[in-house]
Amino acid sequence: MGLFGNLFKSTPPVDFRELKAKGAVIVDVRTPGEFSQGHVTGSINIPLQNLAAQVNKIPKGKPVITCCASGMRSASGKSILANLGFEAYNGGPWATLKNKMI
């Protein structure tokens, strides 16, 4: 397997509709200005730089799906939340995630 074997192992695809049906919370980690230009219905906006300080806005015990513009900030947000004990998933770009929820 080598040094990088685990780096490229595939993970099963995430069923975001199923997560939403289980009560998942969608956290959009973009800026308020970006969020106001469009977002997933029902999502909450907590900019990435404020996420750790405002984690109390996210209900405990529910899965959390992060999203942003391209998927980079949401990946960071997912890591922050996972490190804080949340069941967190990177939903990637908000527009793509929105289509996966239909």
N, C-alpha and C. Protein backbone atom coordinates (compact mmCIF):
# COMPACT_ATOMS: atom_id res chain seq x y z
N MET A 1 0.82 -1.19 0.00
CA MET A 1 0.00 0.00 0.00
C MET A 1 0.87 1.25 0.00
N GLY A 2 1.99 1.21 0.68
CA GLY A 2 2.93 2.32 0.63
C GLY A 2 2.54 3.48 1.54
N LEU A 3 3.38 4.47 1.50
CA LEU A 3 3.24 5.63 2.36
C LEU A 3 1.94 6.40 2.13
N PHE A 4 1.51 6.49 0.88
CA PHE A 4 0.34 7.30 0.55
C PHE A 4 -0.92 6.47 0.30
N GLY A 5 -0.91 5.21 0.64
CA GLY A 5 -2.05 4.33 0.38
C GLY A 5 -3.36 4.84 0.95
N ASN A 6 -3.33 5.28 2.21
CA ASN A 6 -4.55 5.74 2.85
C ASN A 6 -5.00 7.10 2.34
N LEU A 7 -4.08 7.85 1.77
CA LEU A 7 -4.40 9.18 1.27
C LEU A 7 -5.41 9.13 0.13
N PHE A 8 -5.32 8.09 -0.67
CA PHE A 8 -6.16 8.02 -1.86
C PHE A 8 -7.26 6.97 -1.79
N LYS A 9 -7.47 6.38 -0.60
CA LYS A 9 -8.53 5.39 -0.52
C LYS A 9 -9.88 6.06 -0.69
N SER A 10 -10.78 5.37 -1.35
CA SER A 10 -12.08 5.98 -1.61
C SER A 10 -12.99 5.76 -0.42
N THR A 11 -13.85 6.72 -0.20
CA THR A 11 -14.85 6.61 0.85
C THR A 11 -16.21 6.47 0.16
N PRO A 12 -17.13 5.81 0.81
CA PRO A 12 -18.44 5.67 0.18
C PRO A 12 -19.10 7.03 -0.01
N PRO A 13 -19.88 7.20 -1.07
CA PRO A 13 -20.54 8.48 -1.28
C PRO A 13 -21.55 8.78 -0.16
N VAL A 14 -21.70 10.04 0.14
CA VAL A 14 -22.61 10.47 1.19
C VAL A 14 -23.96 10.77 0.57
N ASP A 15 -25.02 10.25 1.18
CA ASP A 15 -26.37 10.53 0.72
C ASP A 15 -26.89 11.73 1.51
N PHE A 16 -26.75 12.93 0.92
CA PHE A 16 -27.11 14.15 1.63
C PHE A 16 -28.61 14.25 1.88
N ARG A 17 -29.43 13.70 0.99
CA ARG A 17 -30.88 13.70 1.23
C ARG A 17 -31.22 12.87 2.46
N GLU A 18 -30.55 11.74 2.60
CA GLU A 18 -30.78 10.88 3.77
C GLU A 18 -30.36 11.60 5.05
N LEU A 19 -29.21 12.27 4.99
CA LEU A 19 -28.76 13.03 6.16
C LEU A 19 -29.76 14.11 6.52
N LYS A 20 -30.27 14.81 5.52
CA LYS A 20 -31.26 15.87 5.75
C LYS A 20 -32.52 15.28 6.37
N ALA A 21 -32.93 14.11 5.89
CA ALA A 21 -34.11 13.44 6.44
C ALA A 21 -33.89 13.07 7.91
N LYS A 22 -32.64 12.85 8.29
CA LYS A 22 -32.30 12.54 9.68
C LYS A 22 -32.15 13.80 10.53
N GLY A 23 -32.45 14.95 9.93
CA GLY A 23 -32.40 16.20 10.69
C GLY A 23 -31.08 16.94 10.60
N ALA A 24 -30.27 16.64 9.59
CA ALA A 24 -28.98 17.31 9.46
C ALA A 24 -29.14 18.81 9.37
N VAL A 25 -28.18 19.51 9.95
CA VAL A 25 -28.12 20.96 9.90
C VAL A 25 -27.11 21.32 8.82
N ILE A 26 -27.48 22.26 7.95
CA ILE A 26 -26.56 22.72 6.91
C ILE A 26 -25.96 24.04 7.36
N VAL A 27 -24.63 24.06 7.45
CA VAL A 27 -23.91 25.27 7.87
C VAL A 27 -23.13 25.79 6.67
N ASP A 28 -23.48 26.98 6.24
CA ASP A 28 -22.81 27.65 5.12
C ASP A 28 -21.70 28.51 5.72
N VAL A 29 -20.45 28.21 5.39
CA VAL A 29 -19.31 28.89 6.02
C VAL A 29 -18.79 30.07 5.20
N ARG A 30 -19.57 30.53 4.24
CA ARG A 30 -19.18 31.71 3.46
C ARG A 30 -19.45 32.99 4.25
N THR A 31 -19.03 34.12 3.69
CA THR A 31 -19.28 35.41 4.32
C THR A 31 -20.77 35.74 4.23
N PRO A 32 -21.26 36.64 5.10
CA PRO A 32 -22.67 37.03 5.01
C PRO A 32 -23.02 37.61 3.63
N GLY A 33 -22.11 38.33 3.01
CA GLY A 33 -22.36 38.88 1.68
C GLY A 33 -22.56 37.79 0.65
N GLU A 34 -21.71 36.76 0.69
CA GLU A 34 -21.86 35.63 -0.23
C GLU A 34 -23.17 34.90 0.04
N PHE A 35 -23.47 34.67 1.31
CA PHE A 35 -24.69 33.96 1.71
C PHE A 35 -25.93 34.68 1.20
N SER A 36 -25.91 36.02 1.25
CA SER A 36 -27.08 36.80 0.82
C SER A 36 -27.32 36.71 -0.69
N GLN A 37 -26.30 36.28 -1.44
CA GLN A 37 -26.43 36.13 -2.89
C GLN A 37 -27.10 34.82 -3.29
N GLY A 38 -27.30 33.93 -2.33
CA GLY A 38 -27.93 32.63 -2.58
C GLY A 38 -27.40 31.60 -1.63
N HIS A 39 -28.24 30.67 -1.23
CA HIS A 39 -27.84 29.62 -0.29
C HIS A 39 -28.86 28.49 -0.30
N VAL A 40 -28.51 27.39 0.34
CA VAL A 40 -29.42 26.27 0.47
C VAL A 40 -30.52 26.67 1.45
N THR A 41 -31.77 26.47 1.06
CA THR A 41 -32.90 26.80 1.93
C THR A 41 -32.76 26.10 3.27
N GLY A 42 -32.91 26.86 4.34
CA GLY A 42 -32.84 26.30 5.68
C GLY A 42 -31.44 26.25 6.27
N SER A 43 -30.44 26.63 5.49
CA SER A 43 -29.07 26.59 6.01
C SER A 43 -28.83 27.78 6.93
N ILE A 44 -27.85 27.62 7.83
CA ILE A 44 -27.46 28.72 8.69
C ILE A 44 -26.09 29.21 8.26
N ASN A 45 -25.86 30.50 8.39
CA ASN A 45 -24.61 31.10 7.94
C ASN A 45 -23.72 31.40 9.14
N ILE A 46 -22.59 30.69 9.20
CA ILE A 46 -21.56 30.98 10.18
C ILE A 46 -20.24 31.01 9.39
N PRO A 47 -19.70 32.22 9.15
CA PRO A 47 -18.45 32.31 8.39
C PRO A 47 -17.35 31.45 9.02
N LEU A 48 -16.53 30.86 8.17
CA LEU A 48 -15.49 29.92 8.62
C LEU A 48 -14.67 30.49 9.77
N GLN A 49 -14.25 31.76 9.65
CA GLN A 49 -13.38 32.33 10.68
C GLN A 49 -14.09 32.48 12.03
N ASN A 50 -15.42 32.39 12.05
CA ASN A 50 -16.20 32.49 13.29
C ASN A 50 -16.72 31.15 13.78
N LEU A 51 -16.47 30.09 13.02
CA LEU A 51 -17.12 28.80 13.28
C LEU A 51 -16.86 28.27 14.69
N ALA A 52 -15.61 28.20 15.09
CA ALA A 52 -15.29 27.64 16.42
C ALA A 52 -15.91 28.46 17.54
N ALA A 53 -15.93 29.80 17.37
CA ALA A 53 -16.48 30.67 18.40
C ALA A 53 -18.02 30.63 18.45
N GLN A 54 -18.66 30.28 17.33
CA GLN A 54 -20.12 30.30 17.27
C GLN A 54 -20.72 28.90 17.15
N VAL A 55 -19.96 27.90 17.54
CA VAL A 55 -20.42 26.52 17.42
C VAL A 55 -21.69 26.27 18.23
N ASN A 56 -21.95 27.11 19.24
CA ASN A 56 -23.15 26.96 20.05
C ASN A 56 -24.43 27.23 19.26
N LYS A 57 -24.32 27.79 18.06
CA LYS A 57 -25.50 28.01 17.20
C LYS A 57 -25.93 26.74 16.48
N ILE A 58 -25.10 25.69 16.56
CA ILE A 58 -25.38 24.44 15.86
C ILE A 58 -25.93 23.43 16.86
N PRO A 59 -27.12 22.88 16.60
CA PRO A 59 -27.69 21.90 17.53
C PRO A 59 -26.80 20.67 17.67
N LYS A 60 -26.59 20.24 18.90
CA LYS A 60 -25.80 19.03 19.16
C LYS A 60 -26.66 17.80 18.86
N GLY A 61 -26.00 16.71 18.52
CA GLY A 61 -26.70 15.45 18.32
C GLY A 61 -27.30 15.26 16.94
N LYS A 62 -27.07 16.22 16.04
CA LYS A 62 -27.56 16.08 14.67
C LYS A 62 -26.37 16.12 13.72
N PRO A 63 -26.46 15.42 12.58
CA PRO A 63 -25.39 15.53 11.60
C PRO A 63 -25.30 16.97 11.09
N VAL A 64 -24.10 17.38 10.72
CA VAL A 64 -23.88 18.72 10.19
C VAL A 64 -23.24 18.60 8.81
N ILE A 65 -23.79 19.32 7.85
CA ILE A 65 -23.24 19.36 6.49
C ILE A 65 -22.73 20.78 6.27
N THR A 66 -21.45 20.91 5.96
CA THR A 66 -20.90 22.23 5.67
C THR A 66 -20.90 22.47 4.16
N CYS A 67 -21.04 23.74 3.77
CA CYS A 67 -20.95 24.11 2.36
C CYS A 67 -20.36 25.50 2.25
N CYS A 68 -19.87 25.82 1.06
CA CYS A 68 -19.29 27.14 0.79
C CYS A 68 -19.42 27.41 -0.71
N ALA A 69 -18.48 28.14 -1.29
CA ALA A 69 -18.55 28.44 -2.72
C ALA A 69 -17.95 27.33 -3.57
N SER A 70 -16.76 26.83 -3.17
CA SER A 70 -16.07 25.85 -4.00
C SER A 70 -15.85 24.50 -3.33
N GLY A 71 -15.93 24.46 -2.02
CA GLY A 71 -15.67 23.22 -1.29
C GLY A 71 -14.43 23.28 -0.41
N MET A 72 -13.61 24.31 -0.58
CA MET A 72 -12.38 24.42 0.21
C MET A 72 -12.69 24.85 1.66
N ARG A 73 -13.44 25.91 1.82
CA ARG A 73 -13.77 26.37 3.17
C ARG A 73 -14.67 25.37 3.89
N SER A 74 -15.56 24.72 3.15
CA SER A 74 -16.44 23.74 3.79
C SER A 74 -15.64 22.54 4.29
N ALA A 75 -14.57 22.18 3.58
CA ALA A 75 -13.69 21.09 4.05
C ALA A 75 -13.04 21.49 5.38
N SER A 76 -12.59 22.74 5.47
CA SER A 76 -12.00 23.22 6.72
C SER A 76 -13.05 23.25 7.83
N GLY A 77 -14.25 23.70 7.48
CA GLY A 77 -15.34 23.75 8.45
C GLY A 77 -15.70 22.37 8.96
N LYS A 78 -15.74 21.41 8.05
CA LYS A 78 -16.04 20.02 8.44
C LYS A 78 -15.00 19.52 9.42
N SER A 79 -13.72 19.81 9.17
CA SER A 79 -12.65 19.37 10.06
C SER A 79 -12.77 20.02 11.44
N ILE A 80 -13.05 21.31 11.47
CA ILE A 80 -13.22 22.02 12.75
C ILE A 80 -14.35 21.37 13.54
N LEU A 81 -15.49 21.15 12.89
CA LEU A 81 -16.65 20.57 13.59
C LEU A 81 -16.39 19.13 14.03
N ALA A 82 -15.73 18.35 13.18
CA ALA A 82 -15.42 16.97 13.55
C ALA A 82 -14.50 16.95 14.79
N ASN A 83 -13.53 17.87 14.81
CA ASN A 83 -12.62 17.95 15.97
C ASN A 83 -13.34 18.39 17.24
N LEU A 84 -14.47 19.05 17.09
CA LEU A 84 -15.27 19.49 18.24
C LEU A 84 -16.33 18.46 18.62
N GLY A 85 -16.32 17.30 17.95
CA GLY A 85 -17.21 16.21 18.32
C GLY A 85 -18.50 16.10 17.52
N PHE A 86 -18.64 16.89 16.46
CA PHE A 86 -19.84 16.81 15.63
C PHE A 86 -19.69 15.70 14.59
N GLU A 87 -20.81 15.12 14.19
CA GLU A 87 -20.86 14.23 13.03
C GLU A 87 -20.95 15.15 11.82
N ALA A 88 -19.81 15.42 11.19
CA ALA A 88 -19.74 16.45 10.16
C ALA A 88 -19.40 15.88 8.79
N TYR A 89 -19.98 16.50 7.77
CA TYR A 89 -19.78 16.10 6.38
C TYR A 89 -19.51 17.34 5.54
N ASN A 90 -18.62 17.22 4.57
CA ASN A 90 -18.35 18.31 3.65
C ASN A 90 -19.31 18.20 2.47
N GLY A 91 -20.24 19.15 2.38
CA GLY A 91 -21.20 19.16 1.28
C GLY A 91 -20.67 19.84 0.03
N GLY A 92 -19.50 20.49 0.13
CA GLY A 92 -18.89 21.14 -1.03
C GLY A 92 -19.58 22.43 -1.40
N PRO A 93 -19.60 22.76 -2.69
CA PRO A 93 -20.23 24.01 -3.14
C PRO A 93 -21.72 24.02 -2.81
N TRP A 94 -22.21 25.16 -2.34
CA TRP A 94 -23.62 25.23 -1.92
C TRP A 94 -24.57 24.95 -3.07
N ALA A 95 -24.25 25.43 -4.28
CA ALA A 95 -25.17 25.23 -5.41
C ALA A 95 -25.27 23.75 -5.78
N THR A 96 -24.17 23.03 -5.69
CA THR A 96 -24.17 21.60 -5.96
C THR A 96 -24.94 20.86 -4.87
N LEU A 97 -24.68 21.24 -3.63
CA LEU A 97 -25.38 20.61 -2.50
C LEU A 97 -26.88 20.85 -2.62
N LYS A 98 -27.27 22.04 -3.00
CA LYS A 98 -28.69 22.37 -3.16
C LYS A 98 -29.35 21.39 -4.14
N ASN A 99 -28.68 21.09 -5.26
CA ASN A 99 -29.22 20.16 -6.23
C ASN A 99 -29.27 18.73 -5.71
N LYS A 100 -28.34 18.37 -4.83
CA LYS A 100 -28.33 17.02 -4.25
C LYS A 100 -29.45 16.83 -3.23
N MET A 101 -30.01 17.93 -2.76
CA MET A 101 -31.07 17.86 -1.74
C MET A 101 -32.44 17.68 -2.36
N ILE A 102 -32.57 17.88 -3.65
CA ILE A 102 -33.86 17.80 -4.34
C ILE A 102 -34.30 16.36 -4.49
